[in-house]
Amino acid sequence: MILGFVMRTVAGVALMLLATVLAVLFEGVDRKLNAIMQRRMGPPLLQPVYDILKLLGKENIVPRWANPVFFHGGPVVAMVATMMVFLYIPIGSIPPVLSGRGDLILVLYLLSLSGVAVAIGGFASGSPIANVGAQREMVLMMSYELPLAVVVSTLAWFVYRMGIPGHPFSLETYVATSIWSMAGRAGFLGLICLFIALLTVIPGETGKGLMDIPEAKTEILEGVTVEYSGVNLALLHVAFNLKCAAISALVVSLFFPFSLGGALGLSGGLKALVDFPWFWAKVFMVSVFGVTFLRTAFGRLKIWQASRFYWAQVGALSLAGMILISVDVLLR
């Protein structure tokens, strides 16, 4: 039992470190692709690594009117909460380090906790600019949580009603059996609606591109992170990168669990060896479309526009998906 605990701990730490490195590298590729789409040269691929290493050697400056406990705690909680998401996500054919019946709910909780921690850090800084950014962060969270909740609850209900083996809120259930193969025509259209709705949530979760509202560099001077420096700012950058990779990994687990090793007729360790890089490749492709393409193609929205977008357009799309899937299940 002790050996199993030690092995699980080592595997969890190694996975979180690997996810952190890949998330930072994904940002480098994202910035490079964004520059290419805009016909610019762009920064080096390792520029995010250089930035974080430089920040780690800088001093943490605390504003005079800040609450030190929440000001320092916000970046730490944000980064740790997002790192823990990867402990509950199956990596290809490899089962998650931690698993249970409510993995999906816990993943959404950890993602929300990361955003709340960033907002609390902004409020605790005592800066009016950071206060505005933190308010925008909370409004944005309350906006995209509705379609996100509809997508997750609909998928769980679909899995339950179709009798798919496993718990409806366990991510291993979706990886073991593709929901696309269980849907009829109406259900297939419903899954497409839910997928598009979840894809549009990625910019809101990451705060990039058209949803770069809490920071808005040209408007409120980095907003929620304006008072951060040194190690704290480095932790926030890592947390933002991890959040982008985490929400993309969630999309892959729910909608694209297809195994490359299984398609090649492999099994056992060889299958896991092939599916491991294949999983991160799928995460990268989702991240490129959900973040890079959207932030290149569209300008930043105003906070009221973003809120209306998630409550009206995306919310309606997710409800349409729920109705189509319900019709598909009830007519069988």
Protein backbone atom coordinates (compact mmCIF):
# COMPACT_ATOMS: atom_id res chain seq x y z
CA MET A 1 0.00 0.00 0.00
CA ILE A 2 2.83 2.38 0.88
CA LEU A 3 4.66 1.48 -2.33
CA GLY A 4 1.52 2.17 -4.34
CA PHE A 5 1.12 5.55 -2.67
CA VAL A 6 4.75 6.44 -3.39
CA MET A 7 4.46 5.37 -7.04
CA ARG A 8 1.23 7.33 -7.45
CA THR A 9 2.86 10.41 -5.90
CA VAL A 10 5.91 10.18 -8.15
CA ALA A 11 3.72 9.67 -11.23
CA GLY A 12 1.54 12.64 -10.26
CA VAL A 13 4.49 14.98 -9.71
CA ALA A 14 6.13 13.87 -12.98
CA LEU A 15 2.88 14.38 -14.91
CA MET A 16 2.30 17.86 -13.46
CA LEU A 17 5.87 18.90 -14.30
CA LEU A 18 5.54 17.53 -17.83
CA ALA A 19 2.20 19.30 -18.30
CA THR A 20 3.76 22.55 -17.09
CA VAL A 21 6.66 22.31 -19.55
CA LEU A 22 4.38 21.43 -22.47
CA ALA A 23 1.91 24.20 -21.57
CA VAL A 24 4.69 26.80 -21.62
CA LEU A 25 5.98 25.45 -24.93
CA PHE A 26 2.43 25.54 -26.33
CA GLU A 27 2.35 29.27 -25.59
CA GLY A 28 5.57 29.72 -27.57
CA VAL A 29 4.04 27.93 -30.55
CA ASP A 30 0.83 29.91 -30.12
CA ARG A 31 2.69 33.23 -30.25
CA LYS A 32 4.71 32.10 -33.26
CA LEU A 33 1.65 30.92 -35.19
CA ASN A 34 -0.20 34.11 -34.30
CA ALA A 35 2.68 36.13 -35.75
CA ILE A 36 2.77 34.02 -38.93
CA MET A 37 -0.98 34.51 -39.43
CA GLN A 38 -0.39 38.26 -39.15
CA ARG A 39 2.63 38.12 -41.47
CA ARG A 40 5.11 38.94 -38.72
CA MET A 41 8.30 37.19 -37.67
CA GLY A 42 7.23 36.83 -34.05
CA PRO A 43 9.25 35.87 -30.96
CA PRO A 44 11.37 32.72 -30.64
CA LEU A 45 9.54 29.53 -29.69
CA LEU A 46 11.27 29.50 -26.30
CA GLN A 47 10.44 33.13 -25.49
CA PRO A 48 7.87 32.16 -22.79
CA VAL A 49 10.56 30.06 -21.10
CA TYR A 50 12.97 33.00 -21.15
CA ASP A 51 10.29 35.29 -19.73
CA ILE A 52 9.44 32.96 -16.86
CA LEU A 53 13.09 32.31 -15.99
CA LYS A 54 13.75 36.05 -15.93
CA LEU A 55 10.74 36.69 -13.69
CA LEU A 56 11.85 33.98 -11.26
CA GLY A 57 15.01 35.98 -10.61
CA LYS A 58 13.15 39.25 -9.96
CA GLU A 59 11.92 40.66 -6.66
CA ASN A 60 8.31 40.33 -5.52
CA ILE A 61 6.98 43.85 -5.00
CA VAL A 62 3.94 44.13 -2.72
CA PRO A 63 1.78 47.28 -3.02
CA ARG A 64 1.44 49.36 0.14
CA TRP A 65 -2.33 48.81 0.43
CA ALA A 66 -2.28 45.13 -0.51
CA ASN A 67 -3.33 42.22 1.70
CA PRO A 68 -0.09 40.15 1.63
CA VAL A 69 -1.72 36.79 2.41
CA PHE A 70 -4.24 36.87 -0.43
CA PHE A 71 -1.91 38.79 -2.72
CA HIS A 72 0.79 36.10 -2.51
CA GLY A 73 -1.67 33.23 -2.18
CA GLY A 74 -3.64 33.99 -5.35
CA PRO A 75 -0.92 33.01 -7.87
CA VAL A 76 0.07 29.91 -5.87
CA VAL A 77 -3.50 28.60 -5.60
CA ALA A 78 -4.19 29.42 -9.26
CA MET A 79 -1.15 27.45 -10.46
CA VAL A 80 -1.55 24.46 -8.11
CA ALA A 81 -5.29 24.11 -8.82
CA THR A 82 -4.68 24.05 -12.58
CA MET A 83 -1.80 21.60 -12.26
CA MET A 84 -4.03 19.23 -10.30
CA VAL A 85 -6.49 19.06 -13.21
CA PHE A 86 -4.08 16.79 -15.08
CA LEU A 87 -4.18 14.24 -12.24
CA TYR A 88 -7.81 13.47 -13.15
CA ILE A 89 -7.53 13.42 -16.95
CA PRO A 90 -6.68 10.12 -18.74
CA ILE A 91 -3.58 10.66 -20.88
CA GLY A 92 -4.28 8.58 -23.95
CA SER A 93 -4.51 4.94 -22.93
CA ILE A 94 -2.96 5.68 -19.55
CA PRO A 95 -5.55 5.95 -16.75
CA PRO A 96 -5.52 9.09 -14.60
CA VAL A 97 -3.29 9.23 -11.54
CA LEU A 98 -6.36 10.01 -9.41
CA SER A 99 -9.82 8.88 -10.38
CA GLY A 100 -13.29 8.56 -8.95
CA ARG A 101 -16.96 8.93 -9.76
CA GLY A 102 -16.95 12.73 -9.88
CA ASP A 103 -13.80 13.48 -11.86
CA LEU A 104 -15.56 15.76 -14.32
CA ILE A 105 -17.16 17.86 -11.59
CA LEU A 106 -13.85 18.12 -9.74
CA VAL A 107 -12.03 19.23 -12.91
CA LEU A 108 -14.55 22.02 -13.45
CA TYR A 109 -14.22 23.00 -9.79
CA LEU A 110 -10.42 23.22 -10.04
CA LEU A 111 -10.63 25.35 -13.19
CA SER A 112 -13.08 27.68 -11.47
CA LEU A 113 -10.90 27.79 -8.36
CA SER A 114 -7.97 28.94 -10.47
CA GLY A 115 -9.98 31.83 -11.89
CA VAL A 116 -11.34 32.81 -8.47
CA ALA A 117 -7.82 32.77 -7.01
CA VAL A 118 -6.60 35.16 -9.72
CA ALA A 119 -9.54 37.48 -9.06
CA ILE A 120 -8.96 37.42 -5.29
CA GLY A 121 -5.30 38.27 -5.86
CA GLY A 122 -6.37 41.24 -7.98
CA PHE A 123 -8.83 42.45 -5.33
CA ALA A 124 -6.18 42.01 -2.62
CA SER A 125 -3.64 44.17 -4.46
CA GLY A 126 -5.43 47.37 -3.50
CA SER A 127 -5.08 48.75 -7.03
CA PRO A 128 -8.16 50.27 -8.69
CA ILE A 129 -6.98 48.99 -12.08
CA ALA A 130 -6.54 45.46 -10.74
CA ASN A 131 -9.94 45.79 -9.08
CA VAL A 132 -11.55 46.48 -12.46
CA GLY A 133 -9.72 43.51 -13.98
CA ALA A 134 -10.82 41.23 -11.11
CA GLN A 135 -14.44 42.32 -11.52
CA ARG A 136 -14.25 41.52 -15.21
CA GLU A 137 -12.75 38.13 -14.39
CA MET A 138 -15.69 37.28 -12.13
CA VAL A 139 -18.28 38.52 -14.64
CA LEU A 140 -16.63 36.48 -17.40
CA MET A 141 -16.62 33.37 -15.21
CA MET A 142 -20.32 33.76 -14.39
CA SER A 143 -21.02 34.10 -18.12
CA TYR A 144 -19.28 31.02 -19.53
CA GLU A 145 -20.17 28.76 -16.59
CA LEU A 146 -23.77 28.45 -17.87
CA PRO A 147 -22.99 26.84 -21.26
CA LEU A 148 -20.20 24.82 -19.64
CA ALA A 149 -22.63 23.40 -17.08
CA VAL A 150 -25.19 22.62 -19.79
CA VAL A 151 -22.59 20.77 -21.88
CA VAL A 152 -21.31 18.68 -18.98
CA SER A 153 -24.74 17.81 -17.56
CA THR A 154 -26.08 16.90 -21.01
CA LEU A 155 -23.15 14.58 -21.75
CA ALA A 156 -23.52 12.93 -18.33
CA TRP A 157 -27.26 12.41 -18.89
CA PHE A 158 -26.60 10.99 -22.36
CA VAL A 159 -24.04 8.52 -21.00
CA TYR A 160 -26.44 7.46 -18.24
CA ARG A 161 -29.45 6.98 -20.52
CA MET A 162 -27.48 5.09 -23.17
CA GLY A 163 -26.19 2.65 -20.57
CA ILE A 164 -22.54 3.28 -21.41
CA PRO A 165 -20.38 1.33 -18.91
CA GLY A 166 -18.87 3.54 -16.23
CA HIS A 167 -19.95 6.51 -14.16
CA PRO A 168 -21.45 9.48 -16.10
CA PHE A 169 -19.13 11.96 -14.38
CA SER A 170 -15.95 9.91 -14.76
CA LEU A 171 -13.64 10.96 -17.60
CA GLU A 172 -12.50 7.35 -18.04
CA THR A 173 -16.03 6.54 -19.22
CA TYR A 174 -15.73 8.95 -22.16
CA VAL A 175 -12.27 7.70 -23.07
CA ALA A 176 -13.32 4.04 -22.99
CA THR A 177 -16.42 4.55 -25.18
CA SER A 178 -16.71 7.35 -27.72
CA ILE A 179 -20.03 9.19 -27.35
CA TRP A 180 -20.09 9.81 -31.12
CA SER A 181 -20.57 6.09 -31.76
CA MET A 182 -23.64 5.97 -29.50
CA ALA A 183 -25.55 8.89 -31.02
CA GLY A 184 -28.18 8.83 -33.76
CA ARG A 185 -28.66 11.55 -36.36
CA ALA A 186 -30.29 14.05 -34.02
CA GLY A 187 -27.85 13.13 -31.26
CA PHE A 188 -24.91 13.59 -33.62
CA LEU A 189 -26.08 17.12 -34.45
CA GLY A 190 -26.55 17.74 -30.74
CA LEU A 191 -23.00 16.61 -29.98
CA ILE A 192 -21.70 18.98 -32.65
CA CYS A 193 -23.58 21.84 -30.97
CA LEU A 194 -22.16 20.90 -27.57
CA PHE A 195 -18.66 20.61 -29.00
CA ILE A 196 -18.80 24.06 -30.60
CA ALA A 197 -20.21 25.51 -27.38
CA LEU A 198 -17.39 23.98 -25.33
CA LEU A 199 -14.83 25.15 -27.89
CA THR A 200 -16.02 28.75 -27.51
CA VAL A 201 -15.58 28.45 -23.75
CA ILE A 202 -11.81 27.98 -24.19
CA PRO A 203 -11.09 31.70 -24.87
CA GLY A 204 -13.15 32.62 -21.81
CA GLU A 205 -11.35 30.12 -19.56
CA THR A 206 -7.93 31.21 -20.79
CA GLY A 207 -8.68 34.93 -21.08
CA LYS A 208 -7.00 35.18 -24.46
CA GLY A 209 -7.92 36.72 -27.79
CA LEU A 210 -11.45 38.00 -27.99
CA MET A 211 -11.86 37.28 -24.26
CA ASP A 212 -8.68 39.10 -23.19
CA ILE A 213 -10.91 41.35 -21.08
CA PRO A 214 -9.63 41.00 -17.46
CA GLU A 215 -6.10 42.00 -18.59
CA ALA A 216 -6.73 44.15 -21.69
CA LYS A 217 -3.17 45.48 -22.01
CA THR A 218 -4.11 48.44 -24.21
CA GLU A 219 -7.08 49.38 -22.04
CA ILE A 220 -6.43 48.68 -18.34
CA LEU A 221 -2.67 47.94 -18.39
CA GLU A 222 -2.68 44.18 -17.67
CA GLY A 223 -5.71 44.62 -15.40
CA VAL A 224 -5.89 41.91 -12.76
CA THR A 225 -2.11 41.25 -12.89
CA VAL A 226 -0.95 44.88 -13.06
CA GLU A 227 0.56 44.91 -9.53
CA TYR A 228 2.30 41.55 -9.79
CA SER A 229 6.02 41.11 -10.42
CA GLY A 230 8.82 38.62 -9.92
CA VAL A 231 7.95 35.08 -8.85
CA ASN A 232 4.25 35.87 -8.40
CA LEU A 233 3.95 37.06 -12.00
CA ALA A 234 5.85 33.98 -13.20
CA LEU A 235 3.41 31.74 -11.33
CA LEU A 236 0.48 33.54 -12.93
CA HIS A 237 1.96 33.10 -16.41
CA VAL A 238 2.41 29.38 -15.73
CA ALA A 239 -1.16 29.15 -14.38
CA PHE A 240 -2.58 30.80 -17.52
CA ASN A 241 -0.60 28.45 -19.76
CA LEU A 242 -1.69 25.42 -17.75
CA LYS A 243 -5.32 26.51 -17.90
CA CYS A 244 -5.18 26.65 -21.69
CA ALA A 245 -3.72 23.14 -21.86
CA ALA A 246 -6.14 21.82 -19.22
CA ILE A 247 -9.35 22.98 -20.88
CA SER A 248 -8.03 21.70 -24.24
CA ALA A 249 -7.25 18.33 -22.63
CA LEU A 250 -10.80 18.23 -21.25
CA VAL A 251 -12.21 18.81 -24.75
CA VAL A 252 -10.03 16.00 -26.09
CA SER A 253 -11.12 13.57 -23.36
CA LEU A 254 -14.81 14.27 -23.90
CA PHE A 255 -15.03 14.54 -27.70
CA PHE A 256 -11.81 13.12 -29.21
CA PRO A 257 -10.75 10.10 -27.14
CA PHE A 258 -9.84 8.15 -30.28
CA SER A 259 -6.84 5.88 -29.76
CA LEU A 260 -4.13 5.86 -32.42
CA GLY A 261 -2.57 2.75 -30.90
CA GLY A 262 -5.91 0.94 -31.04
CA ALA A 263 -6.36 1.93 -34.69
CA LEU A 264 -2.93 0.48 -35.44
CA GLY A 265 -3.84 -2.78 -33.69
CA LEU A 266 -1.44 -2.26 -30.78
CA SER A 267 -2.04 -3.27 -27.18
CA GLY A 268 -0.47 -3.04 -23.76
CA GLY A 269 2.56 -0.85 -23.17
CA LEU A 270 3.15 -0.26 -26.88
CA LYS A 271 -0.36 1.14 -27.26
CA ALA A 272 0.15 3.45 -24.28
CA LEU A 273 3.50 4.55 -25.72
CA VAL A 274 1.87 5.58 -29.00
CA ASP A 275 -1.23 7.15 -27.44
CA PHE A 276 0.75 9.32 -25.01
CA PRO A 277 2.24 11.70 -27.63
CA TRP A 278 -0.94 11.37 -29.70
CA PHE A 279 -2.96 12.74 -26.78
CA TRP A 280 -0.72 15.82 -26.46
CA ALA A 281 -0.86 16.32 -30.23
CA LYS A 282 -4.67 16.42 -30.03
CA VAL A 283 -4.46 18.87 -27.11
CA PHE A 284 -2.18 21.06 -29.19
CA MET A 285 -4.54 21.00 -32.19
CA VAL A 286 -7.54 21.96 -30.02
CA SER A 287 -5.47 24.71 -28.42
CA VAL A 288 -4.41 26.08 -31.82
CA PHE A 289 -7.99 26.41 -33.01
CA GLY A 290 -9.60 27.36 -29.70
CA VAL A 291 -6.97 29.99 -28.82
CA THR A 292 -4.56 30.87 -31.64
CA PHE A 293 -7.00 31.02 -34.55
CA LEU A 294 -9.77 32.77 -32.62
CA ARG A 295 -7.50 35.42 -31.11
CA THR A 296 -5.99 36.11 -34.53
CA ALA A 297 -9.29 36.29 -36.38
CA PHE A 298 -11.29 38.34 -33.86
CA GLY A 299 -10.63 41.44 -31.80
CA ARG A 300 -11.25 41.74 -28.09
CA LEU A 301 -14.87 42.05 -27.00
CA LYS A 302 -16.20 44.41 -24.38
CA ILE A 303 -17.24 42.81 -21.11
CA TRP A 304 -20.97 43.27 -21.77
CA GLN A 305 -20.53 41.83 -25.26
CA ALA A 306 -18.72 38.79 -23.89
CA SER A 307 -21.38 38.25 -21.23
CA ARG A 308 -24.19 38.50 -23.78
CA PHE A 309 -22.28 36.21 -26.15
CA TYR A 310 -22.03 33.41 -23.57
CA TRP A 311 -25.51 33.85 -22.08
CA ALA A 312 -27.33 34.27 -25.40
CA GLN A 313 -25.51 32.77 -28.41
CA VAL A 314 -23.40 30.08 -26.73
CA GLY A 315 -26.07 29.35 -24.14
CA ALA A 316 -28.67 28.89 -26.88
CA LEU A 317 -26.31 26.65 -28.83
CA SER A 318 -25.70 24.43 -25.80
CA LEU A 319 -29.44 24.25 -25.09
CA ALA A 320 -30.04 23.29 -28.72
CA GLY A 321 -27.54 20.49 -28.32
CA MET A 322 -29.28 19.36 -25.14
CA ILE A 323 -32.68 19.29 -26.87
CA LEU A 324 -31.37 17.38 -29.90
CA ILE A 325 -29.69 14.77 -27.71
CA SER A 326 -32.82 14.45 -25.57
CA VAL A 327 -34.95 13.89 -28.66
CA ASP A 328 -32.48 11.32 -29.98
CA VAL A 329 -32.54 9.35 -26.71
CA LEU A 330 -36.28 9.56 -26.04
CA LEU A 331 -37.26 8.45 -29.56
CA ARG A 332 -35.28 5.22 -29.37
